[in-house]
Amino acid sequence: MIKILMIEDDVELAQLLQESLEKEEIETILAYTPLEGLVALEQQNFDALVLDLSLPQMDGLEICRVVHESL
């Protein structure tokens, strides 16, 4: 099964997308803050990352840089 992490601060949108993806048998882990997402990335392996570009504290592009540098 494909497993993705979605970092999205809009709870309703995140849950709607999660429901749609899980209908396609894609396991979706939700993180509502950048910090929560980065912790999840340290603790688990994911096949893909879905990011909101306009997150509070740290934007999606900055998260991409952090992830890239940790590889």
C-alpha atoms as a PDB file:
ATOM      1  CA  MET A   1       0.000   0.000   0.000  1.00  0.00           C
ATOM      2  CA  ILE A   2       1.201   3.503  -0.803  1.00  0.00           C
ATOM      3  CA  LYS A   3       1.710   5.670   2.277  1.00  0.00           C
ATOM      4  CA  ILE A   4       1.811   9.458   2.112  1.00  0.00           C
ATOM      5  CA  LEU A   5       2.216  12.284   4.574  1.00  0.00           C
ATOM      6  CA  MET A   6       0.042  15.347   4.057  1.00  0.00           C
ATOM      7  CA  ILE A   7       1.009  18.572   5.834  1.00  0.00           C
ATOM      8  CA  GLU A   8      -2.034  20.837   5.632  1.00  0.00           C
ATOM      9  CA  ASP A   9      -3.314  23.323   8.222  1.00  0.00           C
ATOM     10  CA  ASP A  10      -6.877  23.412   6.850  1.00  0.00           C
ATOM     11  CA  VAL A  11      -8.400  20.540   8.825  1.00  0.00           C
ATOM     12  CA  GLU A  12     -11.540  20.158   6.688  1.00  0.00           C
ATOM     13  CA  LEU A  13      -9.586  20.114   3.422  1.00  0.00           C
ATOM     14  CA  ALA A  14      -7.029  17.662   4.809  1.00  0.00           C
ATOM     15  CA  GLN A  15      -9.706  15.263   5.992  1.00  0.00           C
ATOM     16  CA  LEU A  16     -11.591  15.489   2.686  1.00  0.00           C
ATOM     17  CA  LEU A  17      -8.411  14.714   0.738  1.00  0.00           C
ATOM     18  CA  GLN A  18      -7.556  11.900   3.151  1.00  0.00           C
ATOM     19  CA  GLU A  19     -10.966  10.286   2.607  1.00  0.00           C
ATOM     20  CA  SER A  20     -10.578  10.509  -1.179  1.00  0.00           C
ATOM     21  CA  LEU A  21      -7.060   9.060  -1.143  1.00  0.00           C
ATOM     22  CA  GLU A  22      -7.998   6.237   1.200  1.00  0.00           C
ATOM     23  CA  LYS A  23     -10.808   5.218  -1.187  1.00  0.00           C
ATOM     24  CA  GLU A  24      -7.964   4.601  -3.650  1.00  0.00           C
ATOM     25  CA  GLU A  25      -6.177   2.498  -1.001  1.00  0.00           C
ATOM     26  CA  ILE A  26      -3.564   5.161  -0.279  1.00  0.00           C
ATOM     27  CA  GLU A  27      -2.756   5.366   3.414  1.00  0.00           C
ATOM     28  CA  THR A  28      -2.666   9.045   4.377  1.00  0.00           C
ATOM     29  CA  ILE A  29      -1.115  10.394   7.559  1.00  0.00           C
ATOM     30  CA  LEU A  30      -2.152  13.955   8.379  1.00  0.00           C
ATOM     31  CA  ALA A  31      -0.046  16.624  10.045  1.00  0.00           C
ATOM     32  CA  TYR A  32      -1.617  19.997  10.725  1.00  0.00           C
ATOM     33  CA  THR A  33       1.604  21.914  11.498  1.00  0.00           C
ATOM     34  CA  PRO A  34       5.071  21.911   9.936  1.00  0.00           C
ATOM     35  CA  LEU A  35       6.648  20.678  13.179  1.00  0.00           C
ATOM     36  CA  GLU A  36       4.170  17.804  13.431  1.00  0.00           C
ATOM     37  CA  GLY A  37       4.978  16.877   9.835  1.00  0.00           C
ATOM     38  CA  LEU A  38       8.743  16.962  10.335  1.00  0.00           C
ATOM     39  CA  VAL A  39       8.434  14.741  13.410  1.00  0.00           C
ATOM     40  CA  ALA A  40       6.338  12.254  11.416  1.00  0.00           C
ATOM     41  CA  LEU A  41       8.992  12.248   8.672  1.00  0.00           C
ATOM     42  CA  GLU A  42      11.665  11.368  11.243  1.00  0.00           C
ATOM     43  CA  GLN A  43       9.592   8.542  12.721  1.00  0.00           C
ATOM     44  CA  GLN A  44       8.113   6.879   9.623  1.00  0.00           C
ATOM     45  CA  ASN A  45       8.845   6.170   5.975  1.00  0.00           C
ATOM     46  CA  PHE A  46       6.566   7.626   3.317  1.00  0.00           C
ATOM     47  CA  ASP A  47       6.243   7.141  -0.421  1.00  0.00           C
ATOM     48  CA  ALA A  48       5.174  10.745  -1.019  1.00  0.00           C
ATOM     49  CA  LEU A  49       4.714  14.083   0.699  1.00  0.00           C
ATOM     50  CA  VAL A  50       1.811  16.457  -0.010  1.00  0.00           C
ATOM     51  CA  LEU A  51       2.447  20.003   1.207  1.00  0.00           C
ATOM     52  CA  ASP A  52       0.468  23.166   1.651  1.00  0.00           C
ATOM     53  CA  LEU A  53       2.759  25.947   0.426  1.00  0.00           C
ATOM     54  CA  SER A  54       1.315  28.566   2.795  1.00  0.00           C
ATOM     55  CA  LEU A  55       1.702  27.002   6.229  1.00  0.00           C
ATOM     56  CA  PRO A  56       2.182  28.988   9.438  1.00  0.00           C
ATOM     57  CA  GLN A  57       5.690  29.089  10.986  1.00  0.00           C
ATOM     58  CA  MET A  58       7.357  27.457   7.962  1.00  0.00           C
ATOM     59  CA  ASP A  59       6.155  27.392   4.352  1.00  0.00           C
ATOM     60  CA  GLY A  60       6.013  24.275   2.200  1.00  0.00           C
ATOM     61  CA  LEU A  61       9.119  25.206   0.210  1.00  0.00           C
ATOM     62  CA  GLU A  62      11.157  25.486   3.395  1.00  0.00           C
ATOM     63  CA  ILE A  63       9.921  22.047   4.458  1.00  0.00           C
ATOM     64  CA  CYS A  64      11.060  20.722   1.062  1.00  0.00           C
ATOM     65  CA  ARG A  65      14.526  22.148   1.691  1.00  0.00           C
ATOM     66  CA  VAL A  66      14.717  20.557   5.143  1.00  0.00           C
ATOM     67  CA  VAL A  67      13.620  17.183   3.775  1.00  0.00           C
ATOM     68  CA  HIS A  68      16.053  17.399   0.869  1.00  0.00           C
ATOM     69  CA  GLU A  69      18.965  18.264   3.149  1.00  0.00           C
ATOM     70  CA  SER A  70      18.190  15.321   5.418  1.00  0.00           C
ATOM     71  CA  LEU A  71      18.429  12.781   2.572  1.00  0.00           C
END
